[in-house]
Amino acid sequence: MELVSIGFGALVSAGRLVALVAPDSAPVKRLMSEARDRGMLIDATFGRKTAAVLIMDSDHVVLSGLPLEKLAPRFGVDPTVLEEEA
């Protein structure tokens, strides 16, 4: 089990990560709201603005204050793939 820092002392299991997404779109906001209602939302922003949303295979939704550009390399993803295609 590899633990990865998502900022400010919080760690998640890299093997349990399903998706790493930006919090801006309406579907992701709905996902966060539904997770909060079900008690499956973990706020690891430590009072900062939510910059990334981690969706785990356990149905938990984890909020991080670090942007996707900083988190992606920690999970072994090339940050250049985060650029939107034109």
PDB file of N, CA and C in Angstrom:
ATOM      1  N   MET A   1       0.846  -1.174   0.000  1.00  0.00           N
ATOM      2  CA  MET A   1       0.000   0.000   0.000  1.00  0.00           C
ATOM      3  C   MET A   1       0.892   1.239   0.000  1.00  0.00           C
ATOM      4  N   GLU A   2       0.788   2.008  -1.067  1.00  0.00           N
ATOM      5  CA  GLU A   2       1.575   3.231  -1.179  1.00  0.00           C
ATOM      6  C   GLU A   2       0.711   4.421  -0.782  1.00  0.00           C
ATOM      7  N   LEU A   3       1.164   5.169   0.222  1.00  0.00           N
ATOM      8  CA  LEU A   3       0.467   6.370   0.642  1.00  0.00           C
ATOM      9  C   LEU A   3       1.078   7.578  -0.048  1.00  0.00           C
ATOM     10  N   VAL A   4       0.219   8.472  -0.527  1.00  0.00           N
ATOM     11  CA  VAL A   4       0.658   9.659  -1.252  1.00  0.00           C
ATOM     12  C   VAL A   4       0.117  10.892  -0.527  1.00  0.00           C
ATOM     13  N   SER A   5       0.973  11.890  -0.365  1.00  0.00           N
ATOM     14  CA  SER A   5       0.563  13.136   0.283  1.00  0.00           C
ATOM     15  C   SER A   5      -0.322  13.942  -0.655  1.00  0.00           C
ATOM     16  N   ILE A   6      -1.465  14.377  -0.133  1.00  0.00           N
ATOM     17  CA  ILE A   6      -2.345  15.256  -0.908  1.00  0.00           C
ATOM     18  C   ILE A   6      -2.326  16.664  -0.329  1.00  0.00           C
ATOM     19  N   GLY A   7      -1.336  16.923   0.498  1.00  0.00           N
ATOM     20  CA  GLY A   7      -1.133  18.269   1.024  1.00  0.00           C
ATOM     21  C   GLY A   7      -1.496  18.426   2.478  1.00  0.00           C
ATOM     22  N   PHE A   8      -0.715  19.254   3.150  1.00  0.00           N
ATOM     23  CA  PHE A   8      -0.983  19.667   4.521  1.00  0.00           C
ATOM     24  C   PHE A   8      -1.059  18.501   5.496  1.00  0.00           C
ATOM     25  N   GLY A   9      -0.262  17.468   5.242  1.00  0.00           N
ATOM     26  CA  GLY A   9      -0.176  16.335   6.149  1.00  0.00           C
ATOM     27  C   GLY A   9      -1.170  15.220   5.890  1.00  0.00           C
ATOM     28  N   ALA A  10      -2.040  15.369   4.905  1.00  0.00           N
ATOM     29  CA  ALA A  10      -3.027  14.334   4.599  1.00  0.00           C
ATOM     30  C   ALA A  10      -2.445  13.349   3.587  1.00  0.00           C
ATOM     31  N   LEU A  11      -2.772  12.070   3.772  1.00  0.00           N
ATOM     32  CA  LEU A  11      -2.285  11.006   2.902  1.00  0.00           C
ATOM     33  C   LEU A  11      -3.461  10.172   2.412  1.00  0.00           C
ATOM     34  N   VAL A  12      -3.352   9.662   1.176  1.00  0.00           N
ATOM     35  CA  VAL A  12      -4.342   8.712   0.662  1.00  0.00           C
ATOM     36  C   VAL A  12      -3.605   7.535   0.043  1.00  0.00           C
ATOM     37  N   SER A  13      -4.283   6.432  -0.067  1.00  0.00           N
ATOM     38  CA  SER A  13      -3.710   5.247  -0.682  1.00  0.00           C
ATOM     39  C   SER A  13      -3.771   5.397  -2.204  1.00  0.00           C
ATOM     40  N   ALA A  14      -2.619   5.352  -2.862  1.00  0.00           N
ATOM     41  CA  ALA A  14      -2.549   5.533  -4.314  1.00  0.00           C
ATOM     42  C   ALA A  14      -3.291   4.421  -5.048  1.00  0.00           C
ATOM     43  N   GLY A  15      -3.292   3.230  -4.518  1.00  0.00           N
ATOM     44  CA  GLY A  15      -3.944   2.106  -5.165  1.00  0.00           C
ATOM     45  C   GLY A  15      -5.461   2.163  -5.133  1.00  0.00           C
ATOM     46  N   ARG A  16      -6.014   3.008  -4.291  1.00  0.00           N
ATOM     47  CA  ARG A  16      -7.467   3.112  -4.167  1.00  0.00           C
ATOM     48  C   ARG A  16      -8.047   4.255  -4.996  1.00  0.00           C
ATOM     49  N   LEU A  17      -7.177   5.054  -5.613  1.00  0.00           N
ATOM     50  CA  LEU A  17      -7.624   6.209  -6.390  1.00  0.00           C
ATOM     51  C   LEU A  17      -8.242   5.764  -7.709  1.00  0.00           C
ATOM     52  N   VAL A  18      -9.437   6.284  -8.000  1.00  0.00           N
ATOM     53  CA  VAL A  18     -10.122   6.002  -9.253  1.00  0.00           C
ATOM     54  C   VAL A  18      -9.955   7.176 -10.210  1.00  0.00           C
ATOM     55  N   ALA A  19     -10.135   8.404  -9.688  1.00  0.00           N
ATOM     56  CA  ALA A  19     -10.052   9.586 -10.544  1.00  0.00           C
ATOM     57  C   ALA A  19      -9.572  10.782  -9.745  1.00  0.00           C
ATOM     58  N   LEU A  20      -8.905  11.680 -10.449  1.00  0.00           N
ATOM     59  CA  LEU A  20      -8.410  12.935  -9.890  1.00  0.00           C
ATOM     60  C   LEU A  20      -8.959  14.027 -10.792  1.00  0.00           C
ATOM     61  N   VAL A  21      -9.897  14.835 -10.279  1.00  0.00           N
ATOM     62  CA  VAL A  21     -10.616  15.793 -11.128  1.00  0.00           C
ATOM     63  C   VAL A  21     -10.630  17.188 -10.514  1.00  0.00           C
ATOM     64  N   ALA A  22     -10.884  18.170 -11.375  1.00  0.00           N
ATOM     65  CA  ALA A  22     -11.036  19.552 -10.939  1.00  0.00           C
ATOM     66  C   ALA A  22     -12.444  19.735 -10.360  1.00  0.00           C
ATOM     67  N   PRO A  23     -12.597  20.620  -9.392  1.00  0.00           N
ATOM     68  CA  PRO A  23     -13.892  20.785  -8.723  1.00  0.00           C
ATOM     69  C   PRO A  23     -14.844  21.760  -9.404  1.00  0.00           C
ATOM     70  N   ASP A  24     -14.543  22.200 -10.607  1.00  0.00           N
ATOM     71  CA  ASP A  24     -15.277  23.296 -11.225  1.00  0.00           C
ATOM     72  C   ASP A  24     -16.593  22.919 -11.898  1.00  0.00           C
ATOM     73  N   SER A  25     -16.699  21.732 -12.449  1.00  0.00           N
ATOM     74  CA  SER A  25     -17.871  21.384 -13.251  1.00  0.00           C
ATOM     75  C   SER A  25     -19.079  21.037 -12.381  1.00  0.00           C
ATOM     76  N   ALA A  26     -20.240  21.199 -12.961  1.00  0.00           N
ATOM     77  CA  ALA A  26     -21.483  20.904 -12.246  1.00  0.00           C
ATOM     78  C   ALA A  26     -21.584  19.436 -11.822  1.00  0.00           C
ATOM     79  N   PRO A  27     -21.204  18.472 -12.675  1.00  0.00           N
ATOM     80  CA  PRO A  27     -21.288  17.073 -12.228  1.00  0.00           C
ATOM     81  C   PRO A  27     -20.396  16.770 -11.023  1.00  0.00           C
ATOM     82  N   VAL A  28     -19.217  17.375 -10.982  1.00  0.00           N
ATOM     83  CA  VAL A  28     -18.320  17.142  -9.843  1.00  0.00           C
ATOM     84  C   VAL A  28     -18.879  17.806  -8.592  1.00  0.00           C
ATOM     85  N   LYS A  29     -19.464  18.984  -8.733  1.00  0.00           N
ATOM     86  CA  LYS A  29     -20.092  19.653  -7.589  1.00  0.00           C
ATOM     87  C   LYS A  29     -21.259  18.818  -7.056  1.00  0.00           C
ATOM     88  N   ARG A  30     -22.026  18.215  -7.981  1.00  0.00           N
ATOM     89  CA  ARG A  30     -23.130  17.343  -7.582  1.00  0.00           C
ATOM     90  C   ARG A  30     -22.601  16.105  -6.857  1.00  0.00           C
ATOM     91  N   LEU A  31     -21.509  15.542  -7.373  1.00  0.00           N
ATOM     92  CA  LEU A  31     -20.875  14.384  -6.747  1.00  0.00           C
ATOM     93  C   LEU A  31     -20.431  14.715  -5.322  1.00  0.00           C
ATOM     94  N   MET A  32     -19.834  15.895  -5.142  1.00  0.00           N
ATOM     95  CA  MET A  32     -19.394  16.308  -3.804  1.00  0.00           C
ATOM     96  C   MET A  32     -20.584  16.477  -2.867  1.00  0.00           C
ATOM     97  N   SER A  33     -21.668  17.074  -3.364  1.00  0.00           N
ATOM     98  CA  SER A  33     -22.866  17.276  -2.551  1.00  0.00           C
ATOM     99  C   SER A  33     -23.489  15.941  -2.144  1.00  0.00           C
ATOM    100  N   GLU A  34     -23.571  15.009  -3.098  1.00  0.00           N
ATOM    101  CA  GLU A  34     -24.138  13.692  -2.792  1.00  0.00           C
ATOM    102  C   GLU A  34     -23.266  12.935  -1.801  1.00  0.00           C
ATOM    103  N   ALA A  35     -21.943  13.048  -1.945  1.00  0.00           N
ATOM    104  CA  ALA A  35     -21.029  12.385  -1.013  1.00  0.00           C
ATOM    105  C   ALA A  35     -21.179  12.969   0.385  1.00  0.00           C
ATOM    106  N   ARG A  36     -21.358  14.284   0.469  1.00  0.00           N
ATOM    107  CA  ARG A  36     -21.554  14.937   1.773  1.00  0.00           C
ATOM    108  C   ARG A  36     -22.837  14.412   2.423  1.00  0.00           C
ATOM    109  N   ASP A  37     -23.901  14.301   1.637  1.00  0.00           N
ATOM    110  CA  ASP A  37     -25.180  13.812   2.160  1.00  0.00           C
ATOM    111  C   ASP A  37     -25.085  12.380   2.668  1.00  0.00           C
ATOM    112  N   ARG A  38     -24.262  11.543   2.004  1.00  0.00           N
ATOM    113  CA  ARG A  38     -24.095  10.143   2.392  1.00  0.00           C
ATOM    114  C   ARG A  38     -23.048   9.946   3.480  1.00  0.00           C
ATOM    115  N   GLY A  39     -22.351  11.015   3.846  1.00  0.00           N
ATOM    116  CA  GLY A  39     -21.302  10.899   4.851  1.00  0.00           C
ATOM    117  C   GLY A  39     -20.016  10.312   4.306  1.00  0.00           C
ATOM    118  N   MET A  40     -19.806  10.426   2.999  1.00  0.00           N
ATOM    119  CA  MET A  40     -18.631   9.843   2.350  1.00  0.00           C
ATOM    120  C   MET A  40     -17.645  10.906   1.866  1.00  0.00           C
ATOM    121  N   LEU A  41     -17.836  12.157   2.276  1.00  0.00           N
ATOM    122  CA  LEU A  41     -16.953  13.238   1.861  1.00  0.00           C
ATOM    123  C   LEU A  41     -15.877  13.449   2.918  1.00  0.00           C
ATOM    124  N   ILE A  42     -14.630  13.509   2.484  1.00  0.00           N
ATOM    125  CA  ILE A  42     -13.512  13.780   3.386  1.00  0.00           C
ATOM    126  C   ILE A  42     -12.885  15.089   2.939  1.00  0.00           C
ATOM    127  N   ASP A  43     -12.966  16.092   3.789  1.00  0.00           N
ATOM    128  CA  ASP A  43     -12.425  17.411   3.471  1.00  0.00           C
ATOM    129  C   ASP A  43     -11.006  17.505   4.011  1.00  0.00           C
ATOM    130  N   ALA A  44     -10.021  17.397   3.119  1.00  0.00           N
ATOM    131  CA  ALA A  44      -8.612  17.488   3.503  1.00  0.00           C
ATOM    132  C   ALA A  44      -8.000  18.796   3.016  1.00  0.00           C
ATOM    133  N   THR A  45      -8.839  19.840   2.893  1.00  0.00           N
ATOM    134  CA  THR A  45      -8.343  21.137   2.432  1.00  0.00           C
ATOM    135  C   THR A  45      -7.746  21.961   3.561  1.00  0.00           C
ATOM    136  N   PHE A  46      -8.088  21.626   4.783  1.00  0.00           N
ATOM    137  CA  PHE A  46      -7.614  22.346   5.959  1.00  0.00           C
ATOM    138  C   PHE A  46      -7.915  23.833   5.856  1.00  0.00           C
ATOM    139  N   GLY A  47      -9.152  24.147   5.434  1.00  0.00           N
ATOM    140  CA  GLY A  47      -9.623  25.520   5.382  1.00  0.00           C
ATOM    141  C   GLY A  47      -9.269  26.268   4.110  1.00  0.00           C
ATOM    142  N   ARG A  48      -8.576  25.647   3.209  1.00  0.00           N
ATOM    143  CA  ARG A  48      -8.216  26.303   1.951  1.00  0.00           C
ATOM    144  C   ARG A  48      -9.270  26.010   0.896  1.00  0.00           C
ATOM    145  N   LYS A  49      -9.194  26.717  -0.220  1.00  0.00           N
ATOM    146  CA  LYS A  49     -10.123  26.498  -1.320  1.00  0.00           C
ATOM    147  C   LYS A  49      -9.873  25.120  -1.940  1.00  0.00           C
ATOM    148  N   THR A  50     -10.943  24.416  -2.279  1.00  0.00           N
ATOM    149  CA  THR A  50     -10.815  23.101  -2.911  1.00  0.00           C
ATOM    150  C   THR A  50     -10.225  23.269  -4.306  1.00  0.00           C
ATOM    151  N   ALA A  51      -9.090  22.632  -4.545  1.00  0.00           N
ATOM    152  CA  ALA A  51      -8.410  22.732  -5.838  1.00  0.00           C
ATOM    153  C   ALA A  51      -8.436  21.422  -6.612  1.00  0.00           C
ATOM    154  N   ALA A  52      -8.707  20.315  -5.929  1.00  0.00           N
ATOM    155  CA  ALA A  52      -8.760  19.012  -6.603  1.00  0.00           C
ATOM    156  C   ALA A  52      -9.697  18.086  -5.826  1.00  0.00           C
ATOM    157  N   VAL A  53     -10.323  17.181  -6.564  1.00  0.00           N
ATOM    158  CA  VAL A  53     -11.232  16.210  -5.969  1.00  0.00           C
ATOM    159  C   VAL A  53     -10.713  14.824  -6.322  1.00  0.00           C
ATOM    160  N   LEU A  54     -10.528  13.991  -5.306  1.00  0.00           N
ATOM    161  CA  LEU A  54     -10.063  12.623  -5.500  1.00  0.00           C
ATOM    162  C   LEU A  54     -11.242  11.685  -5.270  1.00  0.00           C
ATOM    163  N   ILE A  55     -11.509  10.841  -6.248  1.00  0.00           N
ATOM    164  CA  ILE A  55     -12.589   9.869  -6.136  1.00  0.00           C
ATOM    165  C   ILE A  55     -11.949   8.512  -5.890  1.00  0.00           C
ATOM    166  N   MET A  56     -12.330   7.886  -4.801  1.00  0.00           N
ATOM    167  CA  MET A  56     -11.716   6.644  -4.375  1.00  0.00           C
ATOM    168  C   MET A  56     -12.625   5.456  -4.693  1.00  0.00           C
ATOM    169  N   ASP A  57     -12.049   4.267  -4.759  1.00  0.00           N
ATOM    170  CA  ASP A  57     -12.824   3.067  -5.079  1.00  0.00           C
ATOM    171  C   ASP A  57     -13.755   2.640  -3.950  1.00  0.00           C
ATOM    172  N   SER A  58     -13.589   3.211  -2.783  1.00  0.00           N
ATOM    173  CA  SER A  58     -14.447   2.910  -1.638  1.00  0.00           C
ATOM    174  C   SER A  58     -15.699   3.792  -1.619  1.00  0.00           C
ATOM    175  N   ASP A  59     -15.902   4.582  -2.684  1.00  0.00           N
ATOM    176  CA  ASP A  59     -17.014   5.518  -2.822  1.00  0.00           C
ATOM    177  C   ASP A  59     -16.803   6.793  -2.003  1.00  0.00           C
ATOM    178  N   HIS A  60     -15.621   6.957  -1.421  1.00  0.00           N
ATOM    179  CA  HIS A  60     -15.303   8.200  -0.725  1.00  0.00           C
ATOM    180  C   HIS A  60     -14.885   9.253  -1.744  1.00  0.00           C
ATOM    181  N   VAL A  61     -15.164  10.497  -1.417  1.00  0.00           N
ATOM    182  CA  VAL A  61     -14.738  11.633  -2.219  1.00  0.00           C
ATOM    183  C   VAL A  61     -13.872  12.491  -1.302  1.00  0.00           C
ATOM    184  N   VAL A  62     -12.631  12.736  -1.725  1.00  0.00           N
ATOM    185  CA  VAL A  62     -11.668  13.458  -0.895  1.00  0.00           C
ATOM    186  C   VAL A  62     -11.361  14.794  -1.564  1.00  0.00           C
ATOM    187  N   LEU A  63     -11.446  15.869  -0.779  1.00  0.00           N
ATOM    188  CA  LEU A  63     -11.145  17.202  -1.281  1.00  0.00           C
ATOM    189  C   LEU A  63      -9.733  17.586  -0.868  1.00  0.00           C
ATOM    190  N   SER A  64      -8.984  18.166  -1.807  1.00  0.00           N
ATOM    191  CA  SER A  64      -7.616  18.595  -1.530  1.00  0.00           C
ATOM    192  C   SER A  64      -7.455  20.066  -1.875  1.00  0.00           C
ATOM    193  N   GLY A  65      -6.607  20.745  -1.129  1.00  0.00           N
ATOM    194  CA  GLY A  65      -6.300  22.139  -1.383  1.00  0.00           C
ATOM    195  C   GLY A  65      -5.178  22.327  -2.377  1.00  0.00           C
ATOM    196  N   LEU A  66      -4.530  21.240  -2.786  1.00  0.00           N
ATOM    197  CA  LEU A  66      -3.461  21.335  -3.786  1.00  0.00           C
ATOM    198  C   LEU A  66      -4.040  21.169  -5.182  1.00  0.00           C
ATOM    199  N   PRO A  67      -3.530  21.927  -6.157  1.00  0.00           N
ATOM    200  CA  PRO A  67      -4.056  21.819  -7.523  1.00  0.00           C
ATOM    201  C   PRO A  67      -3.640  20.513  -8.197  1.00  0.00           C
ATOM    202  N   LEU A  68      -4.357  20.173  -9.258  1.00  0.00           N
ATOM    203  CA  LEU A  68      -4.090  18.948 -10.009  1.00  0.00           C
ATOM    204  C   LEU A  68      -2.655  18.880 -10.506  1.00  0.00           C
ATOM    205  N   GLU A  69      -2.096  20.026 -10.895  1.00  0.00           N
ATOM    206  CA  GLU A  69      -0.736  20.059 -11.438  1.00  0.00           C
ATOM    207  C   GLU A  69       0.297  19.590 -10.421  1.00  0.00           C
ATOM    208  N   LYS A  70       0.014  19.798  -9.138  1.00  0.00           N
ATOM    209  CA  LYS A  70       0.940  19.344  -8.088  1.00  0.00           C
ATOM    210  C   LYS A  70       0.647  17.912  -7.655  1.00  0.00           C
ATOM    211  N   LEU A  71      -0.611  17.515  -7.727  1.00  0.00           N
ATOM    212  CA  LEU A  71      -0.978  16.169  -7.278  1.00  0.00           C
ATOM    213  C   LEU A  71      -0.666  15.091  -8.307  1.00  0.00           C
ATOM    214  N   ALA A  72      -0.859  15.383  -9.579  1.00  0.00           N
ATOM    215  CA  ALA A  72      -0.684  14.372 -10.631  1.00  0.00           C
ATOM    216  C   ALA A  72       0.680  13.689 -10.580  1.00  0.00           C
ATOM    217  N   PRO A  73       1.799  14.426 -10.487  1.00  0.00           N
ATOM    218  CA  PRO A  73       3.096  13.738 -10.438  1.00  0.00           C
ATOM    219  C   PRO A  73       3.260  12.823  -9.224  1.00  0.00           C
ATOM    220  N   ARG A  74       2.582  13.132  -8.150  1.00  0.00           N
ATOM    221  CA  ARG A  74       2.677  12.303  -6.949  1.00  0.00           C
ATOM    222  C   ARG A  74       2.041  10.934  -7.163  1.00  0.00           C
ATOM    223  N   PHE A  75       1.097  10.875  -8.119  1.00  0.00           N
ATOM    224  CA  PHE A  75       0.441   9.611  -8.443  1.00  0.00           C
ATOM    225  C   PHE A  75       1.038   8.986  -9.698  1.00  0.00           C
ATOM    226  N   GLY A  76       2.138   9.549 -10.179  1.00  0.00           N
ATOM    227  CA  GLY A  76       2.818   9.000 -11.336  1.00  0.00           C
ATOM    228  C   GLY A  76       2.204   9.381 -12.671  1.00  0.00           C
ATOM    229  N   VAL A  77       1.460  10.479 -12.689  1.00  0.00           N
ATOM    230  CA  VAL A  77       0.833  10.943 -13.926  1.00  0.00           C
ATOM    231  C   VAL A  77       1.626  12.128 -14.456  1.00  0.00           C
ATOM    232  N   ASP A  78       1.893  12.122 -15.759  1.00  0.00           N
ATOM    233  CA  ASP A  78       2.605  13.227 -16.396  1.00  0.00           C
ATOM    234  C   ASP A  78       1.686  14.454 -16.407  1.00  0.00           C
ATOM    235  N   PRO A  79       2.110  15.573 -15.810  1.00  0.00           N
ATOM    236  CA  PRO A  79       1.233  16.758 -15.738  1.00  0.00           C
ATOM    237  C   PRO A  79       0.876  17.342 -17.101  1.00  0.00           C
ATOM    238  N   THR A  80       1.615  17.015 -18.153  1.00  0.00           N
ATOM    239  CA  THR A  80       1.278  17.558 -19.462  1.00  0.00           C
ATOM    240  C   THR A  80      -0.012  16.949 -20.017  1.00  0.00           C
ATOM    241  N   VAL A  81      -0.430  15.797 -19.507  1.00  0.00           N
ATOM    242  CA  VAL A  81      -1.691  15.209 -19.968  1.00  0.00           C
ATOM    243  C   VAL A  81      -2.886  15.962 -19.409  1.00  0.00           C
ATOM    244  N   LEU A  82      -2.642  16.849 -18.443  1.00  0.00           N
ATOM    245  CA  LEU A  82      -3.724  17.623 -17.841  1.00  0.00           C
ATOM    246  C   LEU A  82      -4.149  18.786 -18.721  1.00  0.00           C
ATOM    247  N   GLU A  83      -3.330  19.124 -19.712  1.00  0.00           N
ATOM    248  CA  GLU A  83      -3.690  20.226 -20.598  1.00  0.00           C
ATOM    249  C   GLU A  83      -4.870  19.810 -21.444  1.00  0.00           C
ATOM    250  N   GLU A  84      -5.860  20.706 -21.526  1.00  0.00           N
ATOM    251  CA  GLU A  84      -7.048  20.396 -22.304  1.00  0.00           C
ATOM    252  C   GLU A  84      -6.712  20.425 -23.782  1.00  0.00           C
ATOM    253  N   GLU A  85      -7.321  19.494 -24.496  1.00  0.00           N
ATOM    254  CA  GLU A  85      -7.112  19.445 -25.935  1.00  0.00           C
ATOM    255  C   GLU A  85      -7.970  20.513 -26.605  1.00  0.00           C
ATOM    256  N   ALA A  86      -7.392  21.159 -27.603  1.00  0.00           N
ATOM    257  CA  ALA A  86      -8.108  22.227 -28.293  1.00  0.00           C
ATOM    258  C   ALA A  86      -8.976  21.691 -29.400  1.00  0.00           C
TER     259      ALA A  86
END
